Amino acid sequence: FAPFVDTARLLYGGPWVAERYQAIRAFVDAQPEALFPVTREITLGGAKPLAADAFAAWLPRAKAFLEQDLKGLEDALDAAGAPWTPGRLPSWHKD
């Protein structure tokens, strides 16, 4: 249940509120009193976070999803290869 609580915190009090604020920014900046007080408080909180805060919140979740997607991939592959072997430069490489 903890991941859901953490995500809810980001959606209602963290940097992800910035997306909602941006969507109605002109309206809420011009007529903040038109919003329900709780909605206004949450939405205006989106004006404060930095883009770096949003990425800091997103990256661990993206990593977790990627790890889940790749789970077991190593068992599905017999070998992984590259266009050249370690220690040997590819033919197109010029020193």
C-alpha atoms as a PDB file:
ATOM      1  CA  PHE A   1       0.000   0.000   0.000  1.00  0.00           C
ATOM      2  CA  ALA A   2       2.956   2.330   0.615  1.00  0.00           C
ATOM      3  CA  PRO A   3       3.619   2.974  -3.111  1.00  0.00           C
ATOM      4  CA  PHE A   4       0.028   4.199  -3.482  1.00  0.00           C
ATOM      5  CA  VAL A   5       0.382   6.565  -0.526  1.00  0.00           C
ATOM      6  CA  ASP A   6       3.696   7.882  -1.876  1.00  0.00           C
ATOM      7  CA  THR A   7       2.160   8.473  -5.296  1.00  0.00           C
ATOM      8  CA  ALA A   8      -0.869  10.223  -3.778  1.00  0.00           C
ATOM      9  CA  ARG A   9       1.481  12.562  -1.926  1.00  0.00           C
ATOM     10  CA  LEU A  10       3.136  13.457  -5.217  1.00  0.00           C
ATOM     11  CA  LEU A  11      -0.198  13.978  -6.946  1.00  0.00           C
ATOM     12  CA  TYR A  12      -1.730  16.185  -4.260  1.00  0.00           C
ATOM     13  CA  GLY A  13       1.198  17.839  -2.525  1.00  0.00           C
ATOM     14  CA  GLY A  14       4.309  17.219  -4.565  1.00  0.00           C
ATOM     15  CA  PRO A  15       5.873  18.346  -7.789  1.00  0.00           C
ATOM     16  CA  TRP A  16       3.396  16.532 -10.015  1.00  0.00           C
ATOM     17  CA  VAL A  17       0.750  19.098  -9.078  1.00  0.00           C
ATOM     18  CA  ALA A  18       2.683  21.451 -11.372  1.00  0.00           C
ATOM     19  CA  GLU A  19       1.174  19.682 -14.388  1.00  0.00           C
ATOM     20  CA  ARG A  20      -2.342  20.404 -13.152  1.00  0.00           C
ATOM     21  CA  TYR A  21      -1.435  23.983 -12.286  1.00  0.00           C
ATOM     22  CA  GLN A  22       0.013  24.543 -15.759  1.00  0.00           C
ATOM     23  CA  ALA A  23      -3.144  23.178 -17.413  1.00  0.00           C
ATOM     24  CA  ILE A  24      -5.312  25.880 -15.791  1.00  0.00           C
ATOM     25  CA  ARG A  25      -2.653  28.449 -14.936  1.00  0.00           C
ATOM     26  CA  ALA A  26      -4.168  31.440 -16.744  1.00  0.00           C
ATOM     27  CA  PHE A  27      -7.580  30.773 -15.221  1.00  0.00           C
ATOM     28  CA  VAL A  28      -6.416  30.144 -11.651  1.00  0.00           C
ATOM     29  CA  ASP A  29      -4.028  33.102 -11.687  1.00  0.00           C
ATOM     30  CA  ALA A  30      -6.793  35.412 -12.952  1.00  0.00           C
ATOM     31  CA  GLN A  31      -9.643  34.061 -10.803  1.00  0.00           C
ATOM     32  CA  PRO A  32      -8.316  32.038  -7.868  1.00  0.00           C
ATOM     33  CA  GLU A  33     -11.527  32.650  -5.935  1.00  0.00           C
ATOM     34  CA  ALA A  34     -13.460  30.724  -8.619  1.00  0.00           C
ATOM     35  CA  LEU A  35     -11.938  27.452  -7.406  1.00  0.00           C
ATOM     36  CA  PHE A  36     -13.162  25.455  -4.444  1.00  0.00           C
ATOM     37  CA  PRO A  37     -10.772  26.357  -1.565  1.00  0.00           C
ATOM     38  CA  VAL A  38      -9.213  22.884  -1.255  1.00  0.00           C
ATOM     39  CA  THR A  39      -8.809  22.617  -5.023  1.00  0.00           C
ATOM     40  CA  ARG A  40      -7.270  26.095  -5.127  1.00  0.00           C
ATOM     41  CA  GLU A  41      -4.797  25.254  -2.347  1.00  0.00           C
ATOM     42  CA  ILE A  42      -3.691  22.021  -4.037  1.00  0.00           C
ATOM     43  CA  THR A  43      -3.503  23.574  -7.514  1.00  0.00           C
ATOM     44  CA  LEU A  44      -1.584  26.680  -6.449  1.00  0.00           C
ATOM     45  CA  GLY A  45       0.926  24.384  -4.770  1.00  0.00           C
ATOM     46  CA  GLY A  46       1.913  23.380  -8.292  1.00  0.00           C
ATOM     47  CA  ALA A  47       3.413  26.827  -8.889  1.00  0.00           C
ATOM     48  CA  LYS A  48       6.218  26.162  -6.403  1.00  0.00           C
ATOM     49  CA  PRO A  49       8.108  22.987  -7.430  1.00  0.00           C
ATOM     50  CA  LEU A  50      11.040  23.103  -9.807  1.00  0.00           C
ATOM     51  CA  ALA A  51      11.338  20.879 -12.858  1.00  0.00           C
ATOM     52  CA  ALA A  52      14.192  19.159 -11.023  1.00  0.00           C
ATOM     53  CA  ASP A  53      11.733  18.227  -8.258  1.00  0.00           C
ATOM     54  CA  ALA A  54       9.403  16.610 -10.791  1.00  0.00           C
ATOM     55  CA  PHE A  55      12.228  14.563 -12.302  1.00  0.00           C
ATOM     56  CA  ALA A  56      13.498  13.573  -8.868  1.00  0.00           C
ATOM     57  CA  ALA A  57      10.031  12.213  -8.083  1.00  0.00           C
ATOM     58  CA  TRP A  58       9.650  10.514 -11.469  1.00  0.00           C
ATOM     59  CA  LEU A  59      13.027   8.811 -11.877  1.00  0.00           C
ATOM     60  CA  PRO A  60      12.745   6.210  -9.079  1.00  0.00           C
ATOM     61  CA  ARG A  61       9.318   5.191 -10.363  1.00  0.00           C
ATOM     62  CA  ALA A  62      10.551   4.947 -13.949  1.00  0.00           C
ATOM     63  CA  LYS A  63      13.469   2.829 -12.777  1.00  0.00           C
ATOM     64  CA  ALA A  64      11.114   0.513 -10.865  1.00  0.00           C
ATOM     65  CA  PHE A  65       8.867   0.081 -13.918  1.00  0.00           C
ATOM     66  CA  LEU A  66      11.863  -0.558 -16.164  1.00  0.00           C
ATOM     67  CA  GLU A  67      13.273  -3.122 -13.759  1.00  0.00           C
ATOM     68  CA  GLN A  68       9.903  -4.877 -13.694  1.00  0.00           C
ATOM     69  CA  ASP A  69       9.687  -4.863 -17.495  1.00  0.00           C
ATOM     70  CA  LEU A  70      13.210  -6.267 -17.827  1.00  0.00           C
ATOM     71  CA  LYS A  71      12.782  -8.831 -15.060  1.00  0.00           C
ATOM     72  CA  GLY A  72      13.578 -12.226 -16.432  1.00  0.00           C
ATOM     73  CA  LEU A  73      14.918 -10.843 -19.711  1.00  0.00           C
ATOM     74  CA  GLU A  74      18.364 -12.267 -18.999  1.00  0.00           C
ATOM     75  CA  ASP A  75      16.778 -15.726 -18.783  1.00  0.00           C
ATOM     76  CA  ALA A  76      15.097 -15.235 -22.149  1.00  0.00           C
ATOM     77  CA  LEU A  77      18.353 -14.361 -23.919  1.00  0.00           C
ATOM     78  CA  ASP A  78      21.026 -16.918 -24.623  1.00  0.00           C
ATOM     79  CA  ALA A  79      23.622 -14.274 -25.442  1.00  0.00           C
ATOM     80  CA  ALA A  80      23.974 -10.564 -25.845  1.00  0.00           C
ATOM     81  CA  GLY A  81      26.280  -9.136 -28.440  1.00  0.00           C
ATOM     82  CA  ALA A  82      27.702  -5.918 -29.748  1.00  0.00           C
ATOM     83  CA  PRO A  83      28.985  -5.031 -33.207  1.00  0.00           C
ATOM     84  CA  TRP A  84      32.536  -5.608 -31.949  1.00  0.00           C
ATOM     85  CA  THR A  85      34.255  -7.487 -29.186  1.00  0.00           C
ATOM     86  CA  PRO A  86      35.825  -5.814 -26.153  1.00  0.00           C
ATOM     87  CA  GLY A  87      39.346  -4.572 -26.776  1.00  0.00           C
ATOM     88  CA  ARG A  88      38.971  -4.318 -30.538  1.00  0.00           C
ATOM     89  CA  LEU A  89      37.868  -1.078 -32.161  1.00  0.00           C
ATOM     90  CA  PRO A  90      35.262  -1.282 -34.886  1.00  0.00           C
ATOM     91  CA  SER A  91      36.448  -0.896 -38.479  1.00  0.00           C
ATOM     92  CA  TRP A  92      34.836   2.514 -38.840  1.00  0.00           C
ATOM     93  CA  HIS A  93      36.761   3.925 -35.852  1.00  0.00           C
ATOM     94  CA  LYS A  94      39.791   6.018 -36.785  1.00  0.00           C
ATOM     95  CA  ASP A  95      42.491   6.820 -34.201  1.00  0.00           C
END
